Amino acid sequence: IPAEQMVVCGISIGHANNAATRRLMPR
């Protein structure tokens, strides 16, 4: 990664396990 670039975050992407298919946090 070049010096002028700042690491902001990561993002994991894939198929959710069946047990992890609901939103936990309220809005």
PDB file of all heavy atoms in Angstrom:
ATOM      1  N   ILE A   1       0.855  -1.184   0.000  1.00  0.00           N
ATOM      2  CA  ILE A   1       0.000   0.000   0.000  1.00  0.00           C
ATOM      3  C   ILE A   1       0.894   1.238   0.000  1.00  0.00           C
ATOM      4  O   ILE A   1       1.758   1.377   0.867  1.00  0.00           O
ATOM      5  CB  ILE A   1      -0.927  -0.002   1.226  1.00  0.00           C
ATOM      6  CG1 ILE A   1      -1.851  -1.222   1.182  1.00  0.00           C
ATOM      7  CG2 ILE A   1      -1.746   1.289   1.305  1.00  0.00           C
ATOM      8  CD1 ILE A   1      -2.699  -1.403   2.425  1.00  0.00           C
ATOM      9  N   PRO A   2       0.713   2.154  -0.949  1.00  0.00           N
ATOM     10  CA  PRO A   2       1.569   3.353  -1.009  1.00  0.00           C
ATOM     11  C   PRO A   2       1.434   4.203   0.243  1.00  0.00           C
ATOM     12  O   PRO A   2       0.403   4.196   0.922  1.00  0.00           O
ATOM     13  CB  PRO A   2       1.044   4.094  -2.245  1.00  0.00           C
ATOM     14  CG  PRO A   2       0.304   3.073  -3.039  1.00  0.00           C
ATOM     15  CD  PRO A   2      -0.253   2.099  -2.052  1.00  0.00           C
ATOM     16  N   ALA A   3       2.464   4.976   0.535  1.00  0.00           N
ATOM     17  CA  ALA A   3       2.502   5.791   1.752  1.00  0.00           C
ATOM     18  C   ALA A   3       1.363   6.790   1.814  1.00  0.00           C
ATOM     19  O   ALA A   3       0.873   7.124   2.897  1.00  0.00           O
ATOM     20  CB  ALA A   3       3.845   6.516   1.847  1.00  0.00           C
ATOM     21  N   GLU A   4       0.915   7.286   0.652  1.00  0.00           N
ATOM     22  CA  GLU A   4      -0.139   8.298   0.679  1.00  0.00           C
ATOM     23  C   GLU A   4      -1.526   7.711   0.931  1.00  0.00           C
ATOM     24  O   GLU A   4      -2.492   8.444   1.169  1.00  0.00           O
ATOM     25  CB  GLU A   4      -0.160   9.092  -0.635  1.00  0.00           C
ATOM     26  CG  GLU A   4      -0.628   8.329  -1.847  1.00  0.00           C
ATOM     27  CD  GLU A   4       0.489   7.608  -2.575  1.00  0.00           C
ATOM     28  OE1 GLU A   4       1.609   7.508  -1.999  1.00  0.00           O
ATOM     29  OE2 GLU A   4       0.259   7.154  -3.708  1.00  0.00           O
ATOM     30  N   GLN A   5      -1.636   6.375   0.897  1.00  0.00           N
ATOM     31  CA  GLN A   5      -2.926   5.729   1.134  1.00  0.00           C
ATOM     32  C   GLN A   5      -3.080   5.359   2.610  1.00  0.00           C
ATOM     33  O   GLN A   5      -2.178   4.767   3.204  1.00  0.00           O
ATOM     34  CB  GLN A   5      -3.066   4.486   0.270  1.00  0.00           C
ATOM     35  CG  GLN A   5      -3.253   4.756  -1.210  1.00  0.00           C
ATOM     36  CD  GLN A   5      -4.632   5.282  -1.538  1.00  0.00           C
ATOM     37  OE1 GLN A   5      -5.642   4.817  -1.001  1.00  0.00           O
ATOM     38  NE2 GLN A   5      -4.689   6.266  -2.434  1.00  0.00           N
ATOM     39  N   MET A   6      -4.227   5.707   3.190  1.00  0.00           N
ATOM     40  CA  MET A   6      -4.533   5.374   4.579  1.00  0.00           C
ATOM     41  C   MET A   6      -5.518   4.204   4.613  1.00  0.00           C
ATOM     42  O   MET A   6      -6.509   4.193   3.882  1.00  0.00           O
ATOM     43  CB  MET A   6      -5.159   6.588   5.279  1.00  0.00           C
ATOM     44  CG  MET A   6      -5.468   6.356   6.754  1.00  0.00           C
ATOM     45  SD  MET A   6      -6.343   7.764   7.515  1.00  0.00           S
ATOM     46  CE  MET A   6      -5.107   9.061   7.291  1.00  0.00           C
ATOM     47  N   VAL A   7      -5.236   3.206   5.450  1.00  0.00           N
ATOM     48  CA  VAL A   7      -6.150   2.078   5.609  1.00  0.00           C
ATOM     49  C   VAL A   7      -7.365   2.542   6.407  1.00  0.00           C
ATOM     50  O   VAL A   7      -7.237   3.020   7.528  1.00  0.00           O
ATOM     51  CB  VAL A   7      -5.467   0.895   6.311  1.00  0.00           C
ATOM     52  CG1 VAL A   7      -6.473  -0.234   6.580  1.00  0.00           C
ATOM     53  CG2 VAL A   7      -4.306   0.376   5.470  1.00  0.00           C
ATOM     54  N   VAL A   8      -8.542   2.401   5.823  1.00  0.00           N
ATOM     55  CA  VAL A   8      -9.777   2.858   6.450  1.00  0.00           C
ATOM     56  C   VAL A   8     -10.511   1.719   7.138  1.00  0.00           C
ATOM     57  O   VAL A   8     -10.947   1.835   8.284  1.00  0.00           O
ATOM     58  CB  VAL A   8     -10.697   3.529   5.412  1.00  0.00           C
ATOM     59  CG1 VAL A   8     -12.037   3.914   6.031  1.00  0.00           C
ATOM     60  CG2 VAL A   8     -10.018   4.751   4.812  1.00  0.00           C
ATOM     61  N   CYS A   9     -10.673   0.587   6.461  1.00  0.00           N
ATOM     62  CA  CYS A   9     -11.432  -0.528   7.036  1.00  0.00           C
ATOM     63  C   CYS A   9     -11.237  -1.772   6.197  1.00  0.00           C
ATOM     64  O   CYS A   9     -10.623  -1.730   5.119  1.00  0.00           O
ATOM     65  CB  CYS A   9     -12.925  -0.189   7.127  1.00  0.00           C
ATOM     66  SG  CYS A   9     -13.750  -0.053   5.515  1.00  0.00           S
ATOM     67  N   GLY A  10     -11.782  -2.864   6.670  1.00  0.00           N
ATOM     68  CA  GLY A  10     -11.904  -4.086   5.894  1.00  0.00           C
ATOM     69  C   GLY A  10     -13.378  -4.373   5.684  1.00  0.00           C
ATOM     70  O   GLY A  10     -14.236  -3.801   6.358  1.00  0.00           O
ATOM     71  N   ILE A  11     -13.677  -5.246   4.734  1.00  0.00           N
ATOM     72  CA  ILE A  11     -15.042  -5.729   4.522  1.00  0.00           C
ATOM     73  C   ILE A  11     -14.965  -7.219   4.231  1.00  0.00           C
ATOM     74  O   ILE A  11     -14.281  -7.631   3.296  1.00  0.00           O
ATOM     75  CB  ILE A  11     -15.757  -5.031   3.350  1.00  0.00           C
ATOM     76  CG1 ILE A  11     -15.699  -3.504   3.471  1.00  0.00           C
ATOM     77  CG2 ILE A  11     -17.220  -5.496   3.257  1.00  0.00           C
ATOM     78  CD1 ILE A  11     -16.279  -2.775   2.260  1.00  0.00           C
ATOM     79  N   SER A  12     -15.641  -8.023   5.043  1.00  0.00           N
ATOM     80  CA  SER A  12     -15.740  -9.452   4.776  1.00  0.00           C
ATOM     81  C   SER A  12     -16.980  -9.706   3.933  1.00  0.00           C
ATOM     82  O   SER A  12     -18.039  -9.125   4.189  1.00  0.00           O
ATOM     83  CB  SER A  12     -15.840 -10.234   6.086  1.00  0.00           C
ATOM     84  OG  SER A  12     -14.654 -10.094   6.847  1.00  0.00           O
ATOM     85  N   ILE A  13     -16.855 -10.575   2.931  1.00  0.00           N
ATOM     86  CA  ILE A  13     -17.966 -10.869   2.027  1.00  0.00           C
ATOM     87  C   ILE A  13     -18.052 -12.376   1.805  1.00  0.00           C
ATOM     88  O   ILE A  13     -17.042 -13.038   1.552  1.00  0.00           O
ATOM     89  CB  ILE A  13     -17.791 -10.169   0.669  1.00  0.00           C
ATOM     90  CG1 ILE A  13     -17.780  -8.642   0.840  1.00  0.00           C
ATOM     91  CG2 ILE A  13     -18.898 -10.572  -0.310  1.00  0.00           C
ATOM     92  CD1 ILE A  13     -17.563  -7.889  -0.456  1.00  0.00           C
ATOM     93  N   GLY A  14     -19.268 -12.899   1.891  1.00  0.00           N
ATOM     94  CA  GLY A  14     -19.470 -14.312   1.634  1.00  0.00           C
ATOM     95  C   GLY A  14     -20.913 -14.705   1.862  1.00  0.00           C
ATOM     96  O   GLY A  14     -21.803 -13.853   1.968  1.00  0.00           O
ATOM     97  N   HIS A  15     -21.140 -15.999   1.952  1.00  0.00           N
ATOM     98  CA  HIS A  15     -22.473 -16.539   2.233  1.00  0.00           C
ATOM     99  C   HIS A  15     -22.641 -16.653   3.748  1.00  0.00           C
ATOM    100  O   HIS A  15     -21.791 -17.232   4.429  1.00  0.00           O
ATOM    101  CB  HIS A  15     -22.645 -17.919   1.601  1.00  0.00           C
ATOM    102  CG  HIS A  15     -22.542 -17.912   0.104  1.00  0.00           C
ATOM    103  ND1 HIS A  15     -23.635 -17.819  -0.722  1.00  0.00           N
ATOM    104  CD2 HIS A  15     -21.454 -17.980  -0.720  1.00  0.00           C
ATOM    105  CE1 HIS A  15     -23.239 -17.829  -1.984  1.00  0.00           C
ATOM    106  NE2 HIS A  15     -21.923 -17.933  -2.007  1.00  0.00           N
ATOM    107  N   ALA A  16     -23.720 -16.094   4.270  1.00  0.00           N
ATOM    108  CA  ALA A  16     -23.967 -16.167   5.703  1.00  0.00           C
ATOM    109  C   ALA A  16     -24.333 -17.587   6.108  1.00  0.00           C
ATOM    110  O   ALA A  16     -25.031 -18.292   5.376  1.00  0.00           O
ATOM    111  CB  ALA A  16     -25.091 -15.217   6.099  1.00  0.00           C
ATOM    112  N   ASN A  17     -23.835 -18.010   7.269  1.00  0.00           N
ATOM    113  CA  ASN A  17     -24.315 -19.252   7.852  1.00  0.00           C
ATOM    114  C   ASN A  17     -25.802 -19.121   8.150  1.00  0.00           C
ATOM    115  O   ASN A  17     -26.306 -18.035   8.443  1.00  0.00           O
ATOM    116  CB  ASN A  17     -23.571 -19.566   9.157  1.00  0.00           C
ATOM    117  CG  ASN A  17     -22.262 -20.281   8.896  1.00  0.00           C
ATOM    118  OD1 ASN A  17     -22.033 -20.825   7.823  1.00  0.00           O
ATOM    119  ND2 ASN A  17     -21.380 -20.278   9.890  1.00  0.00           N
ATOM    120  N   ASN A  18     -26.514 -20.229   8.117  1.00  0.00           N
ATOM    121  CA  ASN A  18     -27.953 -20.189   8.361  1.00  0.00           C
ATOM    122  C   ASN A  18     -28.291 -19.576   9.703  1.00  0.00           C
ATOM    123  O   ASN A  18     -29.336 -18.947   9.867  1.00  0.00           O
ATOM    124  CB  ASN A  18     -28.550 -21.596   8.272  1.00  0.00           C
ATOM    125  CG  ASN A  18     -28.521 -22.145   6.851  1.00  0.00           C
ATOM    126  OD1 ASN A  18     -28.521 -21.377   5.896  1.00  0.00           O
ATOM    127  ND2 ASN A  18     -28.493 -23.454   6.723  1.00  0.00           N
ATOM    128  N   ALA A  19     -27.410 -19.751  10.693  1.00  0.00           N
ATOM    129  CA  ALA A  19     -27.682 -19.249  12.036  1.00  0.00           C
ATOM    130  C   ALA A  19     -27.422 -17.755  12.164  1.00  0.00           C
ATOM    131  O   ALA A  19     -27.671 -17.173  13.211  1.00  0.00           O
ATOM    132  CB  ALA A  19     -26.839 -20.009  13.060  1.00  0.00           C
ATOM    133  N   ALA A  20     -26.929 -17.123  11.102  1.00  0.00           N
ATOM    134  CA  ALA A  20     -26.546 -15.705  11.189  1.00  0.00           C
ATOM    135  C   ALA A  20     -27.260 -14.892  10.125  1.00  0.00           C
ATOM    136  O   ALA A  20     -26.658 -14.176   9.354  1.00  0.00           O
ATOM    137  CB  ALA A  20     -25.044 -15.574  11.027  1.00  0.00           C
ATOM    138  N   THR A  21     -28.578 -15.022  10.070  1.00  0.00           N
ATOM    139  CA  THR A  21     -29.333 -14.380   9.003  1.00  0.00           C
ATOM    140  C   THR A  21     -30.351 -13.380   9.535  1.00  0.00           C
ATOM    141  O   THR A  21     -31.398 -13.190   8.946  1.00  0.00           O
ATOM    142  CB  THR A  21     -30.059 -15.440   8.157  1.00  0.00           C
ATOM    143  OG1 THR A  21     -30.882 -16.242   9.016  1.00  0.00           O
ATOM    144  CG2 THR A  21     -29.069 -16.319   7.432  1.00  0.00           C
ATOM    145  N   ARG A  22     -30.061 -12.749  10.650  1.00  0.00           N
ATOM    146  CA  ARG A  22     -31.000 -11.749  11.157  1.00  0.00           C
ATOM    147  C   ARG A  22     -30.240 -10.559  11.713  1.00  0.00           C
ATOM    148  O   ARG A  22     -29.085 -10.664  12.120  1.00  0.00           O
ATOM    149  CB  ARG A  22     -31.898 -12.344  12.263  1.00  0.00           C
ATOM    150  CG  ARG A  22     -31.135 -12.755  13.510  1.00  0.00           C
ATOM    151  CD  ARG A  22     -32.049 -13.410  14.526  1.00  0.00           C
ATOM    152  NE  ARG A  22     -31.331 -13.774  15.744  1.00  0.00           N
ATOM    153  CZ  ARG A  22     -31.166 -12.960  16.780  1.00  0.00           C
ATOM    154  NH1 ARG A  22     -31.667 -11.739  16.748  1.00  0.00           N
ATOM    155  NH2 ARG A  22     -30.506 -13.366  17.858  1.00  0.00           N
ATOM    156  N   ARG A  23     -30.925  -9.420  11.712  1.00  0.00           N
ATOM    157  CA  ARG A  23     -30.341  -8.202  12.253  1.00  0.00           C
ATOM    158  C   ARG A  23     -30.494  -8.211  13.764  1.00  0.00           C
ATOM    159  O   ARG A  23     -31.576  -8.454  14.300  1.00  0.00           O
ATOM    160  CB  ARG A  23     -31.039  -6.978  11.667  1.00  0.00           C
ATOM    161  CG  ARG A  23     -30.454  -5.652  12.140  1.00  0.00           C
ATOM    162  CD  ARG A  23     -31.318  -4.483  11.695  1.00  0.00           C
ATOM    163  NE  ARG A  23     -31.414  -4.392  10.257  1.00  0.00           N
ATOM    164  CZ  ARG A  23     -30.491  -3.844   9.488  1.00  0.00           C
ATOM    165  NH1 ARG A  23     -29.383  -3.344  10.025  1.00  0.00           N
ATOM    166  NH2 ARG A  23     -30.643  -3.783   8.187  1.00  0.00           N
ATOM    167  N   LEU A  24     -29.415  -7.939  14.465  1.00  0.00           N
ATOM    168  CA  LEU A  24     -29.433  -7.936  15.923  1.00  0.00           C
ATOM    169  C   LEU A  24     -29.685  -6.544  16.481  1.00  0.00           C
ATOM    170  O   LEU A  24     -30.353  -6.390  17.498  1.00  0.00           O
ATOM    171  CB  LEU A  24     -28.100  -8.472  16.455  1.00  0.00           C
ATOM    172  CG  LEU A  24     -27.911  -8.520  17.967  1.00  0.00           C
ATOM    173  CD1 LEU A  24     -28.917  -9.483  18.613  1.00  0.00           C
ATOM    174  CD2 LEU A  24     -26.489  -8.948  18.312  1.00  0.00           C
ATOM    175  N   MET A  25     -29.165  -5.529  15.820  1.00  0.00           N
ATOM    176  CA  MET A  25     -29.197  -4.184  16.378  1.00  0.00           C
ATOM    177  C   MET A  25     -30.448  -3.415  15.969  1.00  0.00           C
ATOM    178  O   MET A  25     -30.821  -3.403  14.794  1.00  0.00           O
ATOM    179  CB  MET A  25     -27.961  -3.399  15.936  1.00  0.00           C
ATOM    180  CG  MET A  25     -26.663  -4.008  16.428  1.00  0.00           C
ATOM    181  SD  MET A  25     -26.603  -4.071  18.234  1.00  0.00           S
ATOM    182  CE  MET A  25     -25.412  -5.389  18.465  1.00  0.00           C
ATOM    183  N   PRO A  26     -31.103  -2.760  16.928  1.00  0.00           N
ATOM    184  CA  PRO A  26     -32.288  -1.951  16.604  1.00  0.00           C
ATOM    185  C   PRO A  26     -31.874  -0.649  15.939  1.00  0.00           C
ATOM    186  O   PRO A  26     -30.718  -0.234  16.001  1.00  0.00           O
ATOM    187  CB  PRO A  26     -32.912  -1.691  17.975  1.00  0.00           C
ATOM    188  CG  PRO A  26     -31.744  -1.705  18.920  1.00  0.00           C
ATOM    189  CD  PRO A  26     -30.784  -2.739  18.363  1.00  0.00           C
ATOM    190  N   ARG A  27     -32.830  -0.005  15.302  1.00  0.00           N
ATOM    191  CA  ARG A  27     -32.598   1.297  14.698  1.00  0.00           C
ATOM    192  C   ARG A  27     -33.589   2.305  15.273  1.00  0.00           C
ATOM    193  O   ARG A  27     -34.732   1.960  15.587  1.00  0.00           O
ATOM    194  CB  ARG A  27     -32.784   1.229  13.171  1.00  0.00           C
ATOM    195  CG  ARG A  27     -31.699   0.428  12.454  1.00  0.00           C
ATOM    196  CD  ARG A  27     -30.333   1.114  12.585  1.00  0.00           C
ATOM    197  NE  ARG A  27     -29.336   0.546  11.699  1.00  0.00           N
ATOM    198  CZ  ARG A  27     -28.502  -0.422  12.029  1.00  0.00           C
ATOM    199  NH1 ARG A  27     -28.560  -0.954  13.237  1.00  0.00           N
ATOM    200  NH2 ARG A  27     -27.618  -0.867  11.162  1.00  0.00           N
TER     201      ARG A  27
END
